[in-house]
Amino acid sequence: MKAMNIFESIKKEFTIPNAYSNWKDYRKALTDLILQDEEICDPSAAKKRSIAVLGAGPCNDLDLKRLTTHFGSIDLIDVDGESVMDGLINQGQEHCPNIHIKEGSLTGVSQELTERFFNRLYMYLMEKGRALTKADFIERSLMEFRSIEEALFRNEADLSNILPVKSYDMVVAAGLHSQLWSILSYSWHILSGNVSEQIFGGDVIDPEPLHDHIREVDDRLIPLINEAILKSSKHRVLFSSEYDPNSPSEGAWQCIKDIRQRFTGGEIELRESTLEWPFYPEQRRKYTMLIQDIKMC
């Protein structure tokens, strides 16, 4: 099997089965939060209002039809436009003129570059065979990651095509920050598991060197992304991040801390609340999501 075909299979495995039905209550609660300040608006003004949903994916966590009654323009922004279209079709909104799919990466790293990371690492493993050592695998993994890192956004101007300043009335980033490297990390763990079984007799490869490097990247990148998000909104931004201080989700915790650090008593109005997200009931995986609702002054 070719590396490209394996990567496509991994992407399909990454899809959470029955998410739309399992997330019914969470979808209603999150959509309620988005619309809570919009309900008091003059309905006739709704068609003039705009919203961006970042990392929209298949939109299983949002009621798109309800959003269309409060926003005349809805941009669903994601690196995977096909996944977003699947979500529109699932909710019967594929022909809605208010909704627009905007394909783009908030990190600068495209799907193609993520696939290149996997393919190059896979081919390296094939060429090395049983001569591979754990040190070789980690060193090559970091080298391949650093090669795609060259595409990372470095400043706000790099994000201006996706998030122009004051371009939306509201911006939503729900579960975004923990997903920035999710497919790349997941595909790495698939390779790592196979190598451990086939070459190292089940002896697990320590993932921490890669995780540590991703943390370092997120420490630099997430404040930059958040700055662009905040500046792109005229009135309101809503973040929803996995909240577990004892076992923090990579990316989510950096977002939470960054937003709290920006709240300095008057520059922005920050409201926090929590929702339970039944992420994968069949595997008993659920998250407490911290909602950080920001009203711009």
C-alpha atoms as a PDB file:
ATOM      1  CA  MET A   1       0.000   0.000   0.000  1.00  0.00           C
ATOM      2  CA  LYS A   2       1.332   3.450  -0.925  1.00  0.00           C
ATOM      3  CA  ALA A   3       2.005   6.005   1.784  1.00  0.00           C
ATOM      4  CA  MET A   4      -0.590   8.393   0.308  1.00  0.00           C
ATOM      5  CA  ASN A   5      -3.320   5.728   0.532  1.00  0.00           C
ATOM      6  CA  ILE A   6      -2.351   4.994   4.145  1.00  0.00           C
ATOM      7  CA  PHE A   7      -2.591   8.698   5.010  1.00  0.00           C
ATOM      8  CA  GLU A   8      -6.081   8.930   3.466  1.00  0.00           C
ATOM      9  CA  SER A   9      -7.131   5.902   5.527  1.00  0.00           C
ATOM     10  CA  ILE A  10      -5.800   7.565   8.672  1.00  0.00           C
ATOM     11  CA  LYS A  11      -7.823  10.716   7.912  1.00  0.00           C
ATOM     12  CA  LYS A  12     -10.974   8.595   7.651  1.00  0.00           C
ATOM     13  CA  GLU A  13     -10.196   6.898  10.982  1.00  0.00           C
ATOM     14  CA  PHE A  14      -9.930  10.355  12.530  1.00  0.00           C
ATOM     15  CA  THR A  15     -13.635  10.958  11.882  1.00  0.00           C
ATOM     16  CA  ILE A  16     -15.744  10.471  15.023  1.00  0.00           C
ATOM     17  CA  PRO A  17     -18.669   8.114  14.246  1.00  0.00           C
ATOM     18  CA  ASN A  18     -22.193   9.231  15.174  1.00  0.00           C
ATOM     19  CA  ALA A  19     -20.908  12.647  16.222  1.00  0.00           C
ATOM     20  CA  TYR A  20     -23.907  14.557  14.894  1.00  0.00           C
ATOM     21  CA  SER A  21     -26.428  12.496  16.851  1.00  0.00           C
ATOM     22  CA  ASN A  22     -24.260  12.110  19.975  1.00  0.00           C
ATOM     23  CA  TRP A  23     -23.536  15.823  20.180  1.00  0.00           C
ATOM     24  CA  LYS A  24     -27.175  16.940  19.954  1.00  0.00           C
ATOM     25  CA  ASP A  25     -27.335  18.524  23.426  1.00  0.00           C
ATOM     26  CA  TYR A  26     -23.853  20.037  23.156  1.00  0.00           C
ATOM     27  CA  ARG A  27     -24.695  21.454  19.715  1.00  0.00           C
ATOM     28  CA  LYS A  28     -27.818  23.130  21.077  1.00  0.00           C
ATOM     29  CA  ALA A  29     -26.000  24.497  24.136  1.00  0.00           C
ATOM     30  CA  LEU A  30     -23.073  25.889  22.122  1.00  0.00           C
ATOM     31  CA  THR A  31     -25.389  27.418  19.532  1.00  0.00           C
ATOM     32  CA  ASP A  32     -27.474  28.927  22.360  1.00  0.00           C
ATOM     33  CA  LEU A  33     -24.327  30.589  23.743  1.00  0.00           C
ATOM     34  CA  ILE A  34     -23.414  32.002  20.344  1.00  0.00           C
ATOM     35  CA  LEU A  35     -26.883  33.431  19.880  1.00  0.00           C
ATOM     36  CA  GLN A  36     -27.570  34.577  23.456  1.00  0.00           C
ATOM     37  CA  ASP A  37     -26.612  38.186  22.768  1.00  0.00           C
ATOM     38  CA  GLU A  38     -27.996  38.078  19.251  1.00  0.00           C
ATOM     39  CA  GLU A  39     -31.573  37.271  20.309  1.00  0.00           C
ATOM     40  CA  ILE A  40     -32.147  40.853  21.414  1.00  0.00           C
ATOM     41  CA  CYS A  41     -31.019  42.287  18.090  1.00  0.00           C
ATOM     42  CA  ASP A  42     -33.503  43.671  15.604  1.00  0.00           C
ATOM     43  CA  PRO A  43     -34.324  40.699  13.299  1.00  0.00           C
ATOM     44  CA  SER A  44     -34.288  43.027  10.309  1.00  0.00           C
ATOM     45  CA  ALA A  45     -30.647  43.794  11.032  1.00  0.00           C
ATOM     46  CA  ALA A  46     -29.634  40.127  11.046  1.00  0.00           C
ATOM     47  CA  LYS A  47     -28.925  40.045   7.312  1.00  0.00           C
ATOM     48  CA  LYS A  48     -26.252  42.714   7.836  1.00  0.00           C
ATOM     49  CA  ARG A  49     -24.411  40.735  10.526  1.00  0.00           C
ATOM     50  CA  SER A  50     -21.503  38.385   9.832  1.00  0.00           C
ATOM     51  CA  ILE A  51     -19.888  35.499  11.684  1.00  0.00           C
ATOM     52  CA  ALA A  52     -16.799  33.358  11.098  1.00  0.00           C
ATOM     53  CA  VAL A  53     -16.481  29.829  12.470  1.00  0.00           C
ATOM     54  CA  LEU A  54     -12.824  28.772  12.622  1.00  0.00           C
ATOM     55  CA  GLY A  55     -11.850  25.125  12.241  1.00  0.00           C
ATOM     56  CA  ALA A  56     -15.473  24.424  11.333  1.00  0.00           C
ATOM     57  CA  GLY A  57     -14.923  20.870  10.069  1.00  0.00           C
ATOM     58  CA  PRO A  58     -18.220  19.009   9.534  1.00  0.00           C
ATOM     59  CA  CYS A  59     -20.024  21.433  11.916  1.00  0.00           C
ATOM     60  CA  ASN A  60     -21.367  18.692  14.175  1.00  0.00           C
ATOM     61  CA  ASP A  61     -21.189  21.097  17.126  1.00  0.00           C
ATOM     62  CA  LEU A  62     -23.239  23.901  15.534  1.00  0.00           C
ATOM     63  CA  ASP A  63     -26.828  24.297  14.363  1.00  0.00           C
ATOM     64  CA  LEU A  64     -26.257  26.001  11.020  1.00  0.00           C
ATOM     65  CA  LYS A  65     -29.940  26.645  10.300  1.00  0.00           C
ATOM     66  CA  ARG A  66     -30.322  28.588  13.554  1.00  0.00           C
ATOM     67  CA  LEU A  67     -27.210  30.607  12.746  1.00  0.00           C
ATOM     68  CA  THR A  68     -28.685  31.643   9.390  1.00  0.00           C
ATOM     69  CA  THR A  69     -31.630  33.292  11.166  1.00  0.00           C
ATOM     70  CA  HIS A  70     -29.255  35.635  13.017  1.00  0.00           C
ATOM     71  CA  PHE A  71     -26.421  36.187  10.563  1.00  0.00           C
ATOM     72  CA  GLY A  72     -26.661  37.223   6.940  1.00  0.00           C
ATOM     73  CA  SER A  73     -23.144  36.020   6.200  1.00  0.00           C
ATOM     74  CA  ILE A  74     -21.553  32.894   7.707  1.00  0.00           C
ATOM     75  CA  ASP A  75     -17.974  31.982   6.802  1.00  0.00           C
ATOM     76  CA  LEU A  76     -16.978  28.423   7.697  1.00  0.00           C
ATOM     77  CA  ILE A  77     -13.179  28.395   7.697  1.00  0.00           C
ATOM     78  CA  ASP A  78     -11.220  25.155   7.687  1.00  0.00           C
ATOM     79  CA  VAL A  79      -8.151  23.582   6.121  1.00  0.00           C
ATOM     80  CA  ASP A  80     -10.401  20.775   4.799  1.00  0.00           C
ATOM     81  CA  GLY A  81     -13.166  22.212   2.638  1.00  0.00           C
ATOM     82  CA  GLU A  82     -14.555  18.771   1.773  1.00  0.00           C
ATOM     83  CA  SER A  83     -15.209  18.039   5.441  1.00  0.00           C
ATOM     84  CA  VAL A  84     -17.120  21.322   5.790  1.00  0.00           C
ATOM     85  CA  MET A  85     -19.239  20.515   2.728  1.00  0.00           C
ATOM     86  CA  ASP A  86     -20.074  17.129   4.237  1.00  0.00           C
ATOM     87  CA  GLY A  87     -21.377  18.987   7.282  1.00  0.00           C
ATOM     88  CA  LEU A  88     -23.497  21.338   5.175  1.00  0.00           C
ATOM     89  CA  ILE A  89     -25.023  18.404   3.339  1.00  0.00           C
ATOM     90  CA  ASN A  90     -25.709  16.595   6.608  1.00  0.00           C
ATOM     91  CA  GLN A  91     -27.639  19.617   7.911  1.00  0.00           C
ATOM     92  CA  GLY A  92     -29.355  20.308   4.574  1.00  0.00           C
ATOM     93  CA  GLN A  93     -27.616  23.687   4.194  1.00  0.00           C
ATOM     94  CA  GLU A  94     -25.449  23.015   1.128  1.00  0.00           C
ATOM     95  CA  HIS A  95     -27.469  25.464  -0.997  1.00  0.00           C
ATOM     96  CA  CYS A  96     -27.881  28.178   1.626  1.00  0.00           C
ATOM     97  CA  PRO A  97     -26.704  31.489   0.095  1.00  0.00           C
ATOM     98  CA  ASN A  98     -25.750  32.855   3.530  1.00  0.00           C
ATOM     99  CA  ILE A  99     -23.099  30.191   4.146  1.00  0.00           C
ATOM    100  CA  HIS A 100     -19.671  30.272   2.536  1.00  0.00           C
ATOM    101  CA  ILE A 101     -16.860  27.732   2.800  1.00  0.00           C
ATOM    102  CA  LYS A 102     -13.494  29.427   3.127  1.00  0.00           C
ATOM    103  CA  GLU A 103     -10.625  26.967   2.821  1.00  0.00           C
ATOM    104  CA  GLY A 104      -7.420  27.926   4.584  1.00  0.00           C
ATOM    105  CA  SER A 105      -4.981  27.074   7.353  1.00  0.00           C
ATOM    106  CA  LEU A 106      -4.646  29.177  10.502  1.00  0.00           C
ATOM    107  CA  THR A 107      -1.125  27.873  11.049  1.00  0.00           C
ATOM    108  CA  GLY A 108       0.183  28.207   7.497  1.00  0.00           C
ATOM    109  CA  VAL A 109       0.620  24.437   7.263  1.00  0.00           C
ATOM    110  CA  SER A 110      -1.674  23.008   4.596  1.00  0.00           C
ATOM    111  CA  GLN A 111      -3.167  19.522   4.339  1.00  0.00           C
ATOM    112  CA  GLU A 112      -0.639  18.819   1.610  1.00  0.00           C
ATOM    113  CA  LEU A 113       2.264  19.652   3.933  1.00  0.00           C
ATOM    114  CA  THR A 114       0.837  17.442   6.685  1.00  0.00           C
ATOM    115  CA  GLU A 115       0.562  14.636   4.164  1.00  0.00           C
ATOM    116  CA  ARG A 116       4.139  15.317   3.058  1.00  0.00           C
ATOM    117  CA  PHE A 117       5.316  14.965   6.675  1.00  0.00           C
ATOM    118  CA  PHE A 118       3.681  11.542   6.868  1.00  0.00           C
ATOM    119  CA  ASN A 119       4.808  10.345   3.446  1.00  0.00           C
ATOM    120  CA  ARG A 120       8.434  11.354   3.907  1.00  0.00           C
ATOM    121  CA  LEU A 121       8.617   9.771   7.350  1.00  0.00           C
ATOM    122  CA  TYR A 122       6.923   6.624   6.044  1.00  0.00           C
ATOM    123  CA  MET A 123       9.381   6.301   3.151  1.00  0.00           C
ATOM    124  CA  TYR A 124      12.308   6.833   5.520  1.00  0.00           C
ATOM    125  CA  LEU A 125      11.070   3.958   7.685  1.00  0.00           C
ATOM    126  CA  MET A 126      10.664   1.738   4.635  1.00  0.00           C
ATOM    127  CA  GLU A 127      14.225   2.489   3.535  1.00  0.00           C
ATOM    128  CA  LYS A 128      15.747   2.028   6.995  1.00  0.00           C
ATOM    129  CA  GLY A 129      13.936  -1.211   7.765  1.00  0.00           C
ATOM    130  CA  ARG A 130      15.291  -3.181  10.712  1.00  0.00           C
ATOM    131  CA  ALA A 131      18.391  -1.013  10.872  1.00  0.00           C
ATOM    132  CA  LEU A 132      16.181   1.688  12.406  1.00  0.00           C
ATOM    133  CA  THR A 133      16.795   2.751  16.009  1.00  0.00           C
ATOM    134  CA  LYS A 134      14.459   4.717  18.276  1.00  0.00           C
ATOM    135  CA  ALA A 135      16.880   7.631  18.172  1.00  0.00           C
ATOM    136  CA  ASP A 136      16.776   7.522  14.351  1.00  0.00           C
ATOM    137  CA  PHE A 137      12.978   7.618  14.370  1.00  0.00           C
ATOM    138  CA  ILE A 138      12.746  10.566  16.767  1.00  0.00           C
ATOM    139  CA  GLU A 139      15.497  12.510  15.017  1.00  0.00           C
ATOM    140  CA  ARG A 140      13.879  12.031  11.604  1.00  0.00           C
ATOM    141  CA  SER A 141      10.422  12.897  12.974  1.00  0.00           C
ATOM    142  CA  LEU A 142      11.712  16.207  14.322  1.00  0.00           C
ATOM    143  CA  MET A 143      13.577  16.915  11.092  1.00  0.00           C
ATOM    144  CA  GLU A 144      10.451  16.367   8.998  1.00  0.00           C
ATOM    145  CA  PHE A 145       8.368  18.479  11.363  1.00  0.00           C
ATOM    146  CA  ARG A 146      10.879  21.312  11.186  1.00  0.00           C
ATOM    147  CA  SER A 147      10.769  21.169   7.388  1.00  0.00           C
ATOM    148  CA  ILE A 148       7.021  21.883   7.311  1.00  0.00           C
ATOM    149  CA  GLU A 149       7.496  24.405  10.127  1.00  0.00           C
ATOM    150  CA  GLU A 150       9.035  26.723   7.543  1.00  0.00           C
ATOM    151  CA  ALA A 151       5.498  27.397   6.285  1.00  0.00           C
ATOM    152  CA  LEU A 152       4.236  28.556   9.695  1.00  0.00           C
ATOM    153  CA  PHE A 153       2.746  32.025   9.945  1.00  0.00           C
ATOM    154  CA  ARG A 154       5.199  34.428  11.579  1.00  0.00           C
ATOM    155  CA  ASN A 155       3.156  37.592  12.058  1.00  0.00           C
ATOM    156  CA  GLU A 156      -0.347  39.027  11.867  1.00  0.00           C
ATOM    157  CA  ALA A 157       0.093  40.035   8.234  1.00  0.00           C
ATOM    158  CA  ASP A 158       0.448  36.354   7.330  1.00  0.00           C
ATOM    159  CA  LEU A 159      -3.065  35.767   8.696  1.00  0.00           C
ATOM    160  CA  SER A 160      -4.640  38.816   7.080  1.00  0.00           C
ATOM    161  CA  ASN A 161      -5.984  36.945   4.051  1.00  0.00           C
ATOM    162  CA  ILE A 162      -7.952  34.592   6.282  1.00  0.00           C
ATOM    163  CA  LEU A 163      -8.810  37.036   9.075  1.00  0.00           C
ATOM    164  CA  PRO A 164      -8.786  40.644   7.875  1.00  0.00           C
ATOM    165  CA  VAL A 165      -9.027  43.239  10.634  1.00  0.00           C
ATOM    166  CA  LYS A 166     -12.619  44.054  11.702  1.00  0.00           C
ATOM    167  CA  SER A 167     -14.041  41.758   9.032  1.00  0.00           C
ATOM    168  CA  TYR A 168     -16.714  39.983  11.135  1.00  0.00           C
ATOM    169  CA  ASP A 169     -19.259  40.969  13.744  1.00  0.00           C
ATOM    170  CA  MET A 170     -18.507  37.738  15.613  1.00  0.00           C
ATOM    171  CA  VAL A 171     -15.844  35.021  15.469  1.00  0.00           C
ATOM    172  CA  VAL A 172     -16.184  31.522  16.961  1.00  0.00           C
ATOM    173  CA  ALA A 173     -13.245  29.196  17.653  1.00  0.00           C
ATOM    174  CA  ALA A 174     -14.695  26.029  19.222  1.00  0.00           C
ATOM    175  CA  GLY A 175     -12.260  23.190  19.838  1.00  0.00           C
ATOM    176  CA  LEU A 176      -9.863  24.831  17.388  1.00  0.00           C
ATOM    177  CA  HIS A 177      -6.588  25.115  19.269  1.00  0.00           C
ATOM    178  CA  SER A 178      -6.335  21.471  20.299  1.00  0.00           C
ATOM    179  CA  GLN A 179      -6.814  20.426  16.670  1.00  0.00           C
ATOM    180  CA  LEU A 180      -4.024  22.448  15.058  1.00  0.00           C
ATOM    181  CA  TRP A 181      -1.706  19.417  14.869  1.00  0.00           C
ATOM    182  CA  SER A 182      -4.215  16.631  15.494  1.00  0.00           C
ATOM    183  CA  ILE A 183      -3.970  14.755  12.193  1.00  0.00           C
ATOM    184  CA  LEU A 184      -0.203  15.132  12.064  1.00  0.00           C
ATOM    185  CA  SER A 185       0.147  13.875  15.638  1.00  0.00           C
ATOM    186  CA  TYR A 186      -2.319  11.047  15.102  1.00  0.00           C
ATOM    187  CA  SER A 187      -0.574   9.882  11.929  1.00  0.00           C
ATOM    188  CA  TRP A 188       2.782   9.979  13.764  1.00  0.00           C
ATOM    189  CA  HIS A 189       1.370   7.800  16.541  1.00  0.00           C
ATOM    190  CA  ILE A 190       0.089   5.299  13.960  1.00  0.00           C
ATOM    191  CA  LEU A 191       3.585   5.032  12.446  1.00  0.00           C
ATOM    192  CA  SER A 192       5.176   4.890  15.890  1.00  0.00           C
ATOM    193  CA  GLY A 193       2.881   2.070  16.978  1.00  0.00           C
ATOM    194  CA  ASN A 194       3.603   0.025  13.871  1.00  0.00           C
ATOM    195  CA  VAL A 195       7.355   0.517  14.243  1.00  0.00           C
ATOM    196  CA  SER A 196       7.207  -0.451  17.927  1.00  0.00           C
ATOM    197  CA  GLU A 197       5.400  -3.692  17.110  1.00  0.00           C
ATOM    198  CA  GLN A 198       7.273  -4.696  13.973  1.00  0.00           C
ATOM    199  CA  ILE A 199      10.826  -3.633  14.818  1.00  0.00           C
ATOM    200  CA  PHE A 200      11.135  -3.101  18.580  1.00  0.00           C
ATOM    201  CA  GLY A 201       9.084  -6.057  19.803  1.00  0.00           C
ATOM    202  CA  GLY A 202       6.361  -3.947  21.374  1.00  0.00           C
ATOM    203  CA  ASP A 203       8.757  -1.584  23.133  1.00  0.00           C
ATOM    204  CA  VAL A 204       6.983   1.777  22.933  1.00  0.00           C
ATOM    205  CA  ILE A 205       8.703   4.806  21.392  1.00  0.00           C
ATOM    206  CA  ASP A 206       8.619   7.811  23.719  1.00  0.00           C
ATOM    207  CA  PRO A 207       6.498  10.511  22.033  1.00  0.00           C
ATOM    208  CA  GLU A 208       7.557  13.309  24.385  1.00  0.00           C
ATOM    209  CA  PRO A 209      10.366  14.743  22.206  1.00  0.00           C
ATOM    210  CA  LEU A 210       7.837  15.397  19.429  1.00  0.00           C
ATOM    211  CA  HIS A 211       5.172  16.586  21.869  1.00  0.00           C
ATOM    212  CA  ASP A 212       7.638  18.934  23.552  1.00  0.00           C
ATOM    213  CA  HIS A 213       8.552  20.463  20.215  1.00  0.00           C
ATOM    214  CA  ILE A 214       4.901  20.932  19.251  1.00  0.00           C
ATOM    215  CA  ARG A 215       4.347  22.654  22.623  1.00  0.00           C
ATOM    216  CA  GLU A 216       7.184  25.053  21.890  1.00  0.00           C
ATOM    217  CA  VAL A 217       5.656  25.842  18.502  1.00  0.00           C
ATOM    218  CA  ASP A 218       2.192  26.355  20.039  1.00  0.00           C
ATOM    219  CA  ASP A 219       3.614  28.664  22.702  1.00  0.00           C
ATOM    220  CA  ARG A 220       4.695  30.992  19.893  1.00  0.00           C
ATOM    221  CA  LEU A 221       1.885  30.386  17.423  1.00  0.00           C
ATOM    222  CA  ILE A 222      -1.280  30.424  19.544  1.00  0.00           C
ATOM    223  CA  PRO A 223      -0.901  34.019  20.845  1.00  0.00           C
ATOM    224  CA  LEU A 224      -0.375  35.098  17.227  1.00  0.00           C
ATOM    225  CA  ILE A 225      -3.528  33.296  16.078  1.00  0.00           C
ATOM    226  CA  ASN A 226      -5.529  34.682  19.007  1.00  0.00           C
ATOM    227  CA  GLU A 227      -4.354  38.212  18.261  1.00  0.00           C
ATOM    228  CA  ALA A 228      -5.553  37.866  14.658  1.00  0.00           C
ATOM    229  CA  ILE A 229      -8.873  36.392  15.827  1.00  0.00           C
ATOM    230  CA  LEU A 230      -9.508  39.215  18.290  1.00  0.00           C
ATOM    231  CA  LYS A 231      -8.613  41.893  15.765  1.00  0.00           C
ATOM    232  CA  SER A 232     -10.817  40.335  13.079  1.00  0.00           C
ATOM    233  CA  SER A 233     -13.969  40.787  15.166  1.00  0.00           C
ATOM    234  CA  LYS A 234     -15.863  44.035  15.542  1.00  0.00           C
ATOM    235  CA  HIS A 235     -18.026  43.019  18.486  1.00  0.00           C
ATOM    236  CA  ARG A 236     -17.605  39.530  19.934  1.00  0.00           C
ATOM    237  CA  VAL A 237     -15.371  36.443  20.027  1.00  0.00           C
ATOM    238  CA  LEU A 238     -16.241  33.086  21.543  1.00  0.00           C
ATOM    239  CA  PHE A 239     -13.547  30.510  22.329  1.00  0.00           C
ATOM    240  CA  SER A 240     -14.381  26.972  23.464  1.00  0.00           C
ATOM    241  CA  SER A 241     -11.396  24.951  24.713  1.00  0.00           C
ATOM    242  CA  GLU A 242     -10.904  21.601  26.453  1.00  0.00           C
ATOM    243  CA  TYR A 243     -10.483  22.416  30.141  1.00  0.00           C
ATOM    244  CA  ASP A 244      -8.535  20.049  32.381  1.00  0.00           C
ATOM    245  CA  PRO A 245      -5.808  21.822  34.388  1.00  0.00           C
ATOM    246  CA  ASN A 246      -4.530  18.484  35.752  1.00  0.00           C
ATOM    247  CA  SER A 247      -4.109  16.925  32.309  1.00  0.00           C
ATOM    248  CA  PRO A 248      -4.248  19.814  29.829  1.00  0.00           C
ATOM    249  CA  SER A 249      -4.977  19.268  26.149  1.00  0.00           C
ATOM    250  CA  GLU A 250      -2.153  20.517  23.957  1.00  0.00           C
ATOM    251  CA  GLY A 251      -3.078  23.831  22.360  1.00  0.00           C
ATOM    252  CA  ALA A 252      -6.276  24.277  24.369  1.00  0.00           C
ATOM    253  CA  TRP A 253      -4.476  25.192  27.596  1.00  0.00           C
ATOM    254  CA  GLN A 254      -2.241  27.713  25.828  1.00  0.00           C
ATOM    255  CA  CYS A 255      -5.365  29.348  24.399  1.00  0.00           C
ATOM    256  CA  ILE A 256      -7.085  29.531  27.786  1.00  0.00           C
ATOM    257  CA  LYS A 257      -4.042  31.065  29.476  1.00  0.00           C
ATOM    258  CA  ASP A 258      -3.397  33.509  26.650  1.00  0.00           C
ATOM    259  CA  ILE A 259      -6.968  34.828  26.698  1.00  0.00           C
ATOM    260  CA  ARG A 260      -6.916  35.175  30.484  1.00  0.00           C
ATOM    261  CA  GLN A 261      -3.643  37.091  30.323  1.00  0.00           C
ATOM    262  CA  ARG A 262      -5.189  39.514  27.835  1.00  0.00           C
ATOM    263  CA  PHE A 263      -8.105  40.222  30.202  1.00  0.00           C
ATOM    264  CA  THR A 264      -6.744  43.082  32.277  1.00  0.00           C
ATOM    265  CA  GLY A 265      -9.779  44.562  33.960  1.00  0.00           C
ATOM    266  CA  GLY A 266     -11.321  46.759  31.301  1.00  0.00           C
ATOM    267  CA  GLU A 267      -9.761  46.374  27.883  1.00  0.00           C
ATOM    268  CA  ILE A 268     -12.147  43.536  27.075  1.00  0.00           C
ATOM    269  CA  GLU A 269     -15.135  42.018  28.823  1.00  0.00           C
ATOM    270  CA  LEU A 270     -14.484  38.309  29.444  1.00  0.00           C
ATOM    271  CA  ARG A 271     -17.174  35.872  30.577  1.00  0.00           C
ATOM    272  CA  GLU A 272     -16.326  32.246  31.351  1.00  0.00           C
ATOM    273  CA  SER A 273     -18.609  29.223  31.655  1.00  0.00           C
ATOM    274  CA  THR A 274     -18.394  25.484  30.976  1.00  0.00           C
ATOM    275  CA  LEU A 275     -20.163  22.896  28.834  1.00  0.00           C
ATOM    276  CA  GLU A 276     -19.795  19.134  28.743  1.00  0.00           C
ATOM    277  CA  TRP A 277     -18.833  17.783  25.329  1.00  0.00           C
ATOM    278  CA  PRO A 278     -19.642  14.049  24.871  1.00  0.00           C
ATOM    279  CA  PHE A 279     -16.818  13.705  22.373  1.00  0.00           C
ATOM    280  CA  TYR A 280     -16.844   9.924  21.851  1.00  0.00           C
ATOM    281  CA  PRO A 281     -19.407   8.179  24.105  1.00  0.00           C
ATOM    282  CA  GLU A 282     -18.581   4.711  22.765  1.00  0.00           C
ATOM    283  CA  GLN A 283     -15.049   5.155  24.122  1.00  0.00           C
ATOM    284  CA  ARG A 284     -16.221   7.076  27.218  1.00  0.00           C
ATOM    285  CA  ARG A 285     -14.315  10.119  26.080  1.00  0.00           C
ATOM    286  CA  LYS A 286     -15.790  13.448  27.098  1.00  0.00           C
ATOM    287  CA  TYR A 287     -14.419  16.918  27.764  1.00  0.00           C
ATOM    288  CA  THR A 288     -15.312  19.854  29.938  1.00  0.00           C
ATOM    289  CA  MET A 289     -15.173  22.812  27.569  1.00  0.00           C
ATOM    290  CA  LEU A 290     -14.302  26.234  28.942  1.00  0.00           C
ATOM    291  CA  ILE A 291     -16.244  28.916  27.113  1.00  0.00           C
ATOM    292  CA  GLN A 292     -14.426  32.239  26.969  1.00  0.00           C
ATOM    293  CA  ASP A 293     -16.886  34.803  25.664  1.00  0.00           C
ATOM    294  CA  ILE A 294     -15.332  38.148  24.834  1.00  0.00           C
ATOM    295  CA  LYS A 295     -17.287  41.306  24.150  1.00  0.00           C
ATOM    296  CA  MET A 296     -15.076  43.825  22.403  1.00  0.00           C
ATOM    297  CA  CYS A 297     -15.133  47.389  23.773  1.00  0.00           C
END
